[in-house]
Structure formats: C-alpha cells, structure tokens
C-alpha cells in the first residue's frame, strides 16, 4: 500500500489537501481533506445496510473499523476475520483498522509491558503488537493505527511522573513491533505524552523523523475534549507537515472546526451516529444565521408537522418522508426511525465537511467558524457525551453493553 498526501494550501493551521491510497491492482481511493473516516460498529455503519448506505451521497470511500469489536475471540484466530469486507458490506472501500472505539472514553483496563489491555464484550483481552499486525494482514487493511499505551488515569498522573514517560517509550516500542509484522498497510503512528508538554514534544519530534510511518494519530480519547484539543495543538506544529493527521474523538462539529483550524486533516464520523441515537436530525450549518443545531423529533409538536426533517435538505429521508412520520416511528420504537435518521445525519455531516473545504478554499474558514461558535454557543453538540453515559439506546432501548 502506498499512501500519497499532498497539501494544497496551508502548512501550519487549517489546510486542505488530497489523500490517495494506491491499492495496486485495485482501484485507488482518493479523498479531499479535511474529511472523515466512516465510523462503524462491528464493521458495519450503524443502522445502515449497504443498500441504504448507497443512498447517502458525498461520503468518502474510507471505512474505520475498530479491532476491539472483534476481541470476543482471539482476533488472529477468527476464521471469518479475513471475510469481514464481504460480510459487513464494506465492498471496495479502503479500510482503516484501529484498536479502540472513539466513542468509548471511560476505560478501566490497563496495559502491561508486552500487551495492550482492551475491554471487550468477552472480557479483558491482551493485544500484543504482533497480534495486531496479524489482524491488519488478515483484514487486508489499507491503513492501520498502531496500538499504544494510553493512560486512563486522573490528574496528576496525566501531567507528571514515570507513568507517562513509560507510556511514551512503550508505545514507540510497540510501533516498531507492529511495523515489523505489517505487510501492506500504511501505518499511522499515535502521538503520545498525555498532558505533559515535555513528553508530548519528545514524542512528536521522535515521530516526525521517522520515514516508516505514513501519518499521525492523535487518538487519546481518555482525555477530556478540551484537554484532547490542547494535546493536539501542542503536538501538531512539531509533526511532519507532509503527512496526514488523524484525530479520534473530535467528530462533534464544534470540535471538528477547532481541530481543522489547528491543522488536523481527518476525524471519524461517530457524531452522526450519536445524534441518531438521541432521535435528532442534524440542522447545524457552517454559514447562515440558524441557531438550532438539531431538530428534536421526539417533541409532541412533530406529530402534526408534515414538512421535511430539515428544509432544503436533499437526503433520502427528507425527500421521501416528513417529521410526523419520523416522530411516529420513534414513539413506536421502530427500527426504520434510526435508519432514516442515520441516512440524514450522515448526509448532513458530509455536507458540513464540503462547506469546510469550500470555506478553506475561499480563505474564510476562521471567520465562519467564529460565527458558528457564536450562533450555537457552548453545549450545543454534547451528543457524544450523552452516548458515552447511556446504558441503553433512547431510540431502540437496546442495551449497549460494553459501549455503555
């Protein structure tokens, strides 16, 4: 796998570019950045079967899969793992294989010298870098985010002490071990250091000199959102500007804008899923004068509202159905409610990124982002925080188990 990334404009701060995954005999995958990887659960886009997903236009042909969804058994011994592309309907999409789900922020497991501890639905699993490499090869992933020793501890452990320095050294060693076993995939290296300025700088400087990594991952979702952003902003200026930067756990629209303005190229699309799980239809816009970020389809007033979910939206749900129908489906706990909402919310998310790229090209992103923050205010995009604390889905009442 050869990964090509060309920055079209900007090097420090917000920038646009083109990411190409050259897959040899297969068709190459190209995407304009800033953009996102499609979020999945157990390899499938939440609530969307492939036929319905095909109705959602404007999505990048890159799917994010987290290995922890498949650790009920030993990952490298699952005979079906190599068939995941076909089983999950991934098709010809490029696949990014990560270890952790970006929507799960609270974890109780710890890692050891030779393995990463992962809390799966089958219990705590020990994932070694060699086992991760075998899983990457079995899936024939196009991009792999290397395992790392993330610190799931409260202050002051995150800012000082041997635990953080051990985490940086251990992650660097795991990166070497994973690279030694991966045969084809381009590897994104996690930038470590938690909230220690000195250790973050040391990690970023060391990774910036490596020619064997294709990009960087800012994936410490154990940190609070504001700390996550600070950590990314601390590291980004020290990284090689010619390589793409992916940030996990930064998919909420306000966080996306702050991350992009800081120089992040890629995020995941888990926010669209979080909005769907609350029974909401996305309505936020980068420009304009709207102040409602979402349409709450649970409200009683929706029962007699026969307009589209969002006026002017061209998605499959808005073209074919109205608010009253979605309100009925939600009240009845019908699966079709989340299918239609996910189709709308993903379409809207892709449109939001298209607006970001357009604004970048026009040189107006900073001003439009400032207007966005003013119009919607603090707390308008907290659906991911809600998702992380809910034991059951509000729309279906299905228990989330590990994802609670």
Protein backbone atom coordinates (compact mmCIF):
# COMPACT_ATOMS: atom_id res chain seq x y z
CA UNK A 1 0.00 0.00 0.00
CA UNK A 2 1.32 3.39 -0.99
CA UNK A 3 -0.21 6.43 0.64
CA UNK A 4 0.19 9.80 -1.03
CA UNK A 5 -0.77 13.05 0.67
CA UNK A 6 -0.45 16.44 -0.95
CA UNK A 7 -1.16 19.65 0.92
CA UNK A 8 -2.91 22.03 -1.46
CA UNK A 9 -2.86 25.07 0.80
CA UNK A 10 -1.56 25.85 4.27
CA UNK A 11 1.02 24.02 6.36
CA UNK A 12 0.55 25.49 9.82
CA UNK A 13 -3.04 25.78 10.96
CA UNK A 14 -6.02 24.95 8.75
CA UNK A 15 -5.09 23.32 5.46
CA UNK A 16 -6.65 21.46 2.55
CA UNK A 17 -5.17 18.51 0.73
CA UNK A 18 -5.64 15.31 -1.23
CA UNK A 19 -5.15 11.84 0.24
CA UNK A 20 -4.63 8.96 -2.19
CA UNK A 21 -4.43 5.30 -1.20
CA UNK A 22 -2.77 3.46 -4.08
CA UNK A 23 -4.01 -0.14 -3.84
CA UNK A 24 -2.08 -1.60 -6.77
CA UNK A 25 -4.33 -3.77 -8.93
CA UNK A 26 -7.42 -2.48 -7.12
CA UNK A 27 -8.83 0.95 -7.78
CA UNK A 28 -7.09 3.71 -5.86
CA UNK A 29 -9.10 5.63 -3.27
CA UNK A 30 -8.88 9.40 -3.25
CA UNK A 31 -10.37 11.89 -0.81
CA UNK A 32 -10.19 15.62 -0.36
CA UNK A 33 -9.26 16.82 3.12
CA UNK A 34 -10.35 17.93 5.65
CA UNK A 35 -12.61 14.88 5.72
CA UNK A 36 -13.62 11.89 7.84
CA UNK A 37 -13.44 8.12 8.07
CA UNK A 38 -16.84 6.42 8.18
CA UNK A 39 -17.49 5.16 11.71
CA UNK A 40 -18.63 1.55 12.15
CA UNK A 41 -19.69 -0.84 14.88
CA UNK A 42 -18.65 -4.44 14.33
CA UNK A 43 -17.53 -3.42 10.87
CA UNK A 44 -20.89 -2.02 9.73
CA UNK A 45 -22.17 1.53 9.56
CA UNK A 46 -24.69 1.86 12.42
CA UNK A 47 -28.31 1.39 11.36
CA UNK A 48 -27.46 1.25 7.64
CA UNK A 49 -27.43 -1.85 5.46
CA UNK A 50 -25.32 -1.45 2.31
CA UNK A 51 -28.31 -0.74 0.03
CA UNK A 52 -29.45 2.14 2.23
CA UNK A 53 -25.90 3.40 2.76
CA UNK A 54 -25.58 3.65 -1.03
CA UNK A 55 -28.36 6.27 -0.94
CA UNK A 56 -26.17 8.57 1.18
CA UNK A 57 -24.13 10.62 -1.26
CA UNK A 58 -20.92 12.53 -0.67
CA UNK A 59 -19.35 10.05 1.74
CA UNK A 60 -15.62 9.24 1.48
CA UNK A 61 -14.80 5.68 0.39
CA UNK A 62 -12.83 5.01 3.58
CA UNK A 63 -14.27 2.93 6.45
CA UNK A 64 -12.95 2.95 10.03
CA UNK A 65 -13.03 -0.41 11.85
CA UNK A 66 -12.01 -0.90 15.48
CA UNK A 67 -10.44 -4.21 16.44
CA UNK A 68 -11.93 -4.22 19.93
CA UNK A 69 -15.32 -5.01 18.39
CA UNK A 70 -13.92 -8.41 17.41
CA UNK A 71 -12.00 -9.40 20.52
CA UNK A 72 -14.66 -11.72 21.96
CA UNK A 73 -12.41 -14.37 20.45
CA UNK A 74 -8.70 -14.14 19.76
CA UNK A 75 -8.57 -11.80 16.75
CA UNK A 76 -5.98 -13.64 14.73
CA UNK A 77 -7.77 -16.97 15.16
CA UNK A 78 -11.16 -15.81 13.85
CA UNK A 79 -11.55 -17.62 10.58
CA UNK A 80 -14.17 -15.13 9.40
CA UNK A 81 -11.97 -12.06 10.01
CA UNK A 82 -10.47 -12.15 6.53
CA UNK A 83 -14.03 -12.16 5.13
CA UNK A 84 -15.11 -9.07 7.04
CA UNK A 85 -15.13 -6.81 3.97
CA UNK A 86 -17.72 -9.01 2.29
CA UNK A 87 -19.73 -9.81 5.42
CA UNK A 88 -20.05 -6.17 6.56
CA UNK A 89 -20.68 -4.79 3.08
CA UNK A 90 -17.50 -2.70 3.09
CA UNK A 91 -17.00 -3.55 -0.57
CA UNK A 92 -14.27 -1.61 -2.34
CA UNK A 93 -13.86 0.96 0.44
CA UNK A 94 -10.42 1.46 1.87
CA UNK A 95 -10.27 0.19 5.47
CA UNK A 96 -8.64 1.92 8.44
CA UNK A 97 -8.05 -0.55 11.28
CA UNK A 98 -7.76 0.97 14.74
CA UNK A 99 -7.78 -0.74 18.13
CA UNK A 100 -10.23 1.38 20.13
CA UNK A 101 -13.75 2.72 19.55
CA UNK A 102 -13.52 6.55 19.60
CA UNK A 103 -16.93 6.83 21.29
CA UNK A 104 -15.81 4.94 24.42
CA UNK A 105 -14.00 7.39 26.68
CA UNK A 106 -14.09 5.65 30.09
CA UNK A 107 -11.95 2.55 30.40
CA UNK A 108 -10.83 0.65 33.47
CA UNK A 109 -8.26 -1.69 31.91
CA UNK A 110 -4.52 -1.12 31.93
CA UNK A 111 -1.70 -2.22 29.67
CA UNK A 112 1.48 -4.06 30.56
CA UNK A 113 4.97 -4.15 29.12
CA UNK A 114 4.16 -6.56 26.31
CA UNK A 115 0.45 -6.07 25.62
CA UNK A 116 -2.34 -3.51 25.39
CA UNK A 117 -5.29 -4.23 27.66
CA UNK A 118 -8.62 -3.97 25.81
CA UNK A 119 -12.03 -4.28 27.49
CA UNK A 120 -14.14 -6.32 25.05
CA UNK A 121 -17.65 -7.71 25.42
CA UNK A 122 -16.00 -11.05 26.18
CA UNK A 123 -13.88 -9.61 28.98
CA UNK A 124 -10.43 -8.05 29.13
CA UNK A 125 -8.19 -9.13 26.25
CA UNK A 126 -4.43 -8.82 25.89
CA UNK A 127 -3.47 -7.46 22.49
CA UNK A 128 0.19 -7.65 21.53
CA UNK A 129 1.65 -5.61 18.65
CA UNK A 130 2.35 -8.86 16.78
CA UNK A 131 -1.28 -9.97 17.16
CA UNK A 132 -2.43 -6.57 15.92
CA UNK A 133 -0.18 -6.89 12.87
CA UNK A 134 -1.65 -10.32 12.10
CA UNK A 135 -5.16 -8.85 12.30
CA UNK A 136 -4.17 -5.99 9.96
CA UNK A 137 -2.84 -8.50 7.45
CA UNK A 138 -5.85 -10.84 7.77
CA UNK A 139 -8.26 -7.97 7.10
CA UNK A 140 -6.01 -6.65 4.33
CA UNK A 141 -6.43 -3.19 5.84
CA UNK A 142 -5.22 -0.19 3.88
CA UNK A 143 -4.32 1.95 6.90
CA UNK A 144 -3.51 0.79 10.44
CA UNK A 145 -3.41 2.95 13.56
CA UNK A 146 -0.74 1.30 15.69
CA UNK A 147 -1.60 0.21 19.25
CA UNK A 148 -0.39 2.50 22.00
CA UNK A 149 -0.21 2.62 25.80
CA UNK A 150 -2.93 5.18 26.52
CA UNK A 151 -3.11 6.33 30.13
CA UNK A 152 -6.62 6.10 31.57
CA UNK A 153 -5.83 7.83 34.84
CA UNK A 154 -6.87 11.07 36.51
CA UNK A 155 -4.68 14.03 37.32
CA UNK A 156 -1.89 14.41 38.37
CA UNK A 157 -0.77 11.17 36.70
CA UNK A 158 -1.51 12.69 33.30
CA UNK A 159 0.95 15.53 33.71
CA UNK A 160 3.93 14.14 35.53
CA UNK A 161 5.61 11.02 36.81
CA UNK A 162 7.09 7.84 35.42
CA UNK A 163 3.76 6.53 34.12
CA UNK A 164 3.67 8.97 31.19
CA UNK A 165 7.32 8.54 30.23
CA UNK A 166 6.82 4.77 30.36
CA UNK A 167 3.76 5.17 28.12
CA UNK A 168 5.75 7.10 25.50
CA UNK A 169 8.63 4.61 25.47
CA UNK A 170 6.32 1.59 25.43
CA UNK A 171 4.25 2.99 22.56
CA UNK A 172 7.37 3.65 20.50
CA UNK A 173 8.48 0.07 21.02
CA UNK A 174 5.04 -1.29 20.11
CA UNK A 175 5.10 0.81 16.95
CA UNK A 176 8.38 -0.85 15.92
CA UNK A 177 6.97 -4.31 16.64
CA UNK A 178 3.74 -3.64 14.72
CA UNK A 179 5.63 -2.25 11.73
CA UNK A 180 7.80 -5.36 11.65
CA UNK A 181 4.74 -7.57 11.17
CA UNK A 182 2.50 -5.48 8.90
CA UNK A 183 2.97 -6.44 5.27
CA UNK A 184 0.90 -3.98 3.24
CA UNK A 185 -0.98 -1.36 5.23
CA UNK A 186 0.22 2.22 5.65
CA UNK A 187 0.74 2.88 9.37
CA UNK A 188 -0.39 5.93 11.34
CA UNK A 189 1.70 6.42 14.50
CA UNK A 190 -0.04 7.55 17.71
CA UNK A 191 1.40 10.74 19.19
CA UNK A 192 1.80 10.20 22.93
CA UNK A 193 2.56 12.17 26.09
CA UNK A 194 -0.89 12.77 27.60
CA UNK A 195 -0.88 16.23 29.21
CA UNK A 196 2.88 16.51 29.75
CA UNK A 197 4.20 19.29 27.47
CA UNK A 198 7.76 17.96 27.55
CA UNK A 199 6.79 14.37 26.79
CA UNK A 200 4.34 15.35 24.07
CA UNK A 201 7.09 17.36 22.42
CA UNK A 202 9.53 14.48 22.70
CA UNK A 203 7.04 12.01 21.19
CA UNK A 204 6.13 14.33 18.31
CA UNK A 205 9.76 15.15 17.50
CA UNK A 206 10.75 11.48 17.50
CA UNK A 207 7.86 10.51 15.21
CA UNK A 208 8.49 13.41 12.82
CA UNK A 209 11.88 11.97 11.89
CA UNK A 210 10.56 8.50 11.02
CA UNK A 211 10.24 7.59 7.35
CA UNK A 212 8.41 4.31 8.05
CA UNK A 213 5.14 5.91 9.22
CA UNK A 214 2.65 7.30 6.72
CA UNK A 215 0.74 9.60 9.05
CA UNK A 216 -0.06 10.50 12.65
CA UNK A 217 -2.91 9.64 15.02
CA UNK A 218 -3.99 11.90 17.87
CA UNK A 219 -6.12 9.22 19.49
CA UNK A 220 -6.05 9.78 23.25
CA UNK A 221 -9.83 9.76 23.80
CA UNK A 222 -9.29 9.18 27.54
CA UNK A 223 -8.63 12.93 27.83
CA UNK A 224 -11.46 15.44 28.26
CA UNK A 225 -12.38 17.18 24.97
CA UNK A 226 -10.67 20.46 25.92
CA UNK A 227 -7.53 18.58 27.00
CA UNK A 228 -7.66 16.50 23.82
CA UNK A 229 -7.62 19.67 21.76
CA UNK A 230 -4.78 21.17 23.80
CA UNK A 231 -2.74 17.97 23.35
CA UNK A 232 -3.28 18.03 19.59
CA UNK A 233 -2.41 21.71 19.31
CA UNK A 234 0.77 21.11 21.31
CA UNK A 235 1.95 18.30 19.03
CA UNK A 236 0.81 19.36 15.56
CA UNK A 237 3.47 22.05 14.89
CA UNK A 238 6.23 19.50 15.58
CA UNK A 239 4.98 16.83 13.17
CA UNK A 240 5.99 16.42 9.54
CA UNK A 241 3.59 18.70 7.65
CA UNK A 242 3.78 16.48 4.57
CA UNK A 243 1.92 13.65 6.33
CA UNK A 244 -1.80 13.44 7.21
CA UNK A 245 -3.01 13.89 10.79
CA UNK A 246 -6.00 11.91 12.09
CA UNK A 247 -7.70 12.87 15.36
CA UNK A 248 -10.02 10.41 17.11
CA UNK A 249 -12.83 11.64 19.34
CA UNK A 250 -13.06 15.01 17.58
CA UNK A 251 -16.16 14.39 15.47
CA UNK A 252 -18.59 16.90 17.05
CA UNK A 253 -18.99 19.88 14.67
CA UNK A 254 -17.55 22.47 17.05
CA UNK A 255 -14.60 20.18 17.83
CA UNK A 256 -14.13 19.48 14.11
CA UNK A 257 -13.76 23.19 13.39
CA UNK A 258 -11.28 23.72 16.22
CA UNK A 259 -9.29 20.66 15.15
CA UNK A 260 -9.23 21.69 11.48
CA UNK A 261 -8.19 25.23 12.39
CA UNK A 262 -5.32 23.66 14.34
CA UNK A 263 -4.13 21.57 11.38
CA UNK A 264 -5.99 18.25 11.70
CA UNK A 265 -6.86 16.62 8.36
CA UNK A 266 -9.08 13.68 9.32
CA UNK A 267 -11.58 12.71 12.02
CA UNK A 268 -14.17 9.93 12.38
CA UNK A 269 -17.93 10.27 11.77
CA UNK A 270 -19.19 8.89 15.10
CA UNK A 271 -21.00 12.17 15.83
CA UNK A 272 -23.64 11.41 13.19
CA UNK A 273 -24.36 8.12 14.98
CA UNK A 274 -24.54 9.85 18.38
CA UNK A 275 -27.12 12.31 17.04
CA UNK A 276 -29.20 9.49 15.56
CA UNK A 277 -29.17 7.65 18.89
CA UNK A 278 -30.83 10.67 20.53
CA UNK A 279 -33.64 10.83 17.96
CA UNK A 280 -32.40 14.12 16.50
CA UNK A 281 -31.99 15.37 12.93
CA UNK A 282 -28.89 17.48 12.25
CA UNK A 283 -29.59 21.07 11.19
CA UNK A 284 -26.34 22.94 12.01
CA UNK A 285 -24.66 24.91 9.22
CA UNK A 286 -21.23 26.47 8.90
CA UNK A 287 -22.65 29.66 7.44
CA UNK A 288 -26.07 31.29 7.59
CA UNK A 289 -27.94 32.61 10.61
CA UNK A 290 -29.60 29.49 12.05
CA UNK A 291 -29.31 28.90 15.79
CA UNK A 292 -30.90 25.43 16.12
CA UNK A 293 -28.25 22.72 15.79
CA UNK A 294 -30.81 19.91 15.61
CA UNK A 295 -34.48 19.13 15.15
CA UNK A 296 -35.87 17.16 18.11
CA UNK A 297 -38.25 14.65 16.57
CA UNK A 298 -39.46 13.43 19.97
CA UNK A 299 -41.36 16.69 20.57
CA UNK A 300 -45.17 16.44 20.58
CA UNK A 301 -45.41 19.26 18.01
CA UNK A 302 -43.77 16.97 15.45
CA UNK A 303 -46.84 14.73 15.35
CA UNK A 304 -48.63 17.24 13.07
CA UNK A 305 -45.60 18.59 11.18
CA UNK A 306 -45.61 17.30 7.60
CA UNK A 307 -42.50 19.16 6.45
CA UNK A 308 -39.12 17.54 5.71
CA UNK A 309 -36.77 16.86 8.60
CA UNK A 310 -34.79 19.95 7.60
CA UNK A 311 -35.99 22.41 4.97
CA UNK A 312 -33.90 22.34 1.81
CA UNK A 313 -32.15 19.04 2.62
CA UNK A 314 -31.79 16.69 -0.35
CA UNK A 315 -31.10 13.47 1.59
CA UNK A 316 -33.13 10.30 1.06
CA UNK A 317 -35.09 10.75 4.32
CA UNK A 318 -36.04 14.38 3.66
CA UNK A 319 -37.04 13.65 0.05
CA UNK A 320 -39.27 10.72 0.98
CA UNK A 321 -40.66 11.32 4.48
CA UNK A 322 -41.76 14.05 6.89
CA UNK A 323 -41.27 14.93 10.52
CA UNK A 324 -44.61 13.48 11.63
CA UNK A 325 -43.70 10.08 10.23
CA UNK A 326 -40.29 10.05 11.96
CA UNK A 327 -41.97 11.15 15.20
CA UNK A 328 -44.37 8.20 14.92
CA UNK A 329 -41.52 5.76 14.21
CA UNK A 330 -39.56 6.97 17.23
CA UNK A 331 -42.56 6.72 19.56
CA UNK A 332 -43.24 3.20 18.28
CA UNK A 333 -39.55 2.21 18.66
CA UNK A 334 -39.44 1.18 15.02
CA UNK A 335 -36.01 0.39 13.57
CA UNK A 336 -36.81 2.42 10.47
CA UNK A 337 -36.58 5.59 12.59
CA UNK A 338 -32.87 5.18 13.17
CA UNK A 339 -32.29 4.03 9.57
CA UNK A 340 -33.79 7.23 8.17
CA UNK A 341 -32.17 9.44 10.80
CA UNK A 342 -28.73 7.95 10.21
CA UNK A 343 -29.11 8.46 6.46
CA UNK A 344 -29.98 12.12 7.08
CA UNK A 345 -27.32 12.75 9.72
CA UNK A 346 -24.51 11.22 7.65
CA UNK A 347 -25.62 13.18 4.57
CA UNK A 348 -25.62 16.37 6.66
CA UNK A 349 -22.20 15.55 8.13
CA UNK A 350 -20.71 15.11 4.65
CA UNK A 351 -22.30 18.41 3.60
CA UNK A 352 -20.73 20.12 6.63
CA UNK A 353 -17.26 18.96 5.55
CA UNK A 354 -17.91 20.07 1.98
CA UNK A 355 -18.71 23.53 3.39
CA UNK A 356 -15.46 23.47 5.41
CA UNK A 357 -13.43 22.69 2.30
CA UNK A 358 -15.25 25.40 0.35
CA UNK A 359 -14.61 27.92 3.12
CA UNK A 360 -10.93 26.95 3.27
CA UNK A 361 -10.59 27.48 -0.47
CA UNK A 362 -12.15 30.93 -0.11
CA UNK A 363 -9.97 31.84 2.87
CA UNK A 364 -12.96 32.48 5.13
CA UNK A 365 -12.93 29.47 7.47
CA UNK A 366 -11.67 31.28 10.58
CA UNK A 367 -14.35 33.97 10.29
CA UNK A 368 -17.14 31.47 9.53
CA UNK A 369 -16.03 29.25 12.42
CA UNK A 370 -16.17 32.19 14.79
CA UNK A 371 -19.72 32.92 13.63
CA UNK A 372 -20.58 29.25 14.10
CA UNK A 373 -19.37 29.25 17.72
CA UNK A 374 -21.30 32.44 18.43
CA UNK A 375 -24.57 31.24 16.90
CA UNK A 376 -24.70 27.84 18.58
CA UNK A 377 -22.91 28.58 21.85
CA UNK A 378 -21.39 26.15 24.31
CA UNK A 379 -23.08 22.81 24.91
CA UNK A 380 -24.92 22.59 21.58
CA UNK A 381 -23.06 19.45 20.48
CA UNK A 382 -22.97 17.20 23.52
CA UNK A 383 -24.49 14.08 21.96
CA UNK A 384 -21.23 12.09 22.13
CA UNK A 385 -21.02 12.78 25.87
CA UNK A 386 -24.60 11.55 26.26
CA UNK A 387 -23.86 8.44 24.22
CA UNK A 388 -20.90 7.57 26.46
CA UNK A 389 -23.07 7.58 29.60
CA UNK A 390 -26.26 5.89 28.37
CA UNK A 391 -26.74 2.21 29.21
CA UNK A 392 -29.46 1.85 26.55
CA UNK A 393 -30.21 3.44 23.22
CA UNK A 394 -33.00 6.05 23.69
CA UNK A 395 -34.38 5.22 20.25
CA UNK A 396 -34.50 1.41 20.49
CA UNK A 397 -33.98 0.65 24.21
CA UNK A 398 -31.31 -1.87 23.18
CA UNK A 399 -28.67 -2.30 25.90
CA UNK A 400 -25.23 -1.11 24.79
CA UNK A 401 -23.20 -3.50 26.96
CA UNK A 402 -19.52 -2.60 26.51
CA UNK A 403 -20.43 0.74 24.92
CA UNK A 404 -22.48 1.89 27.91
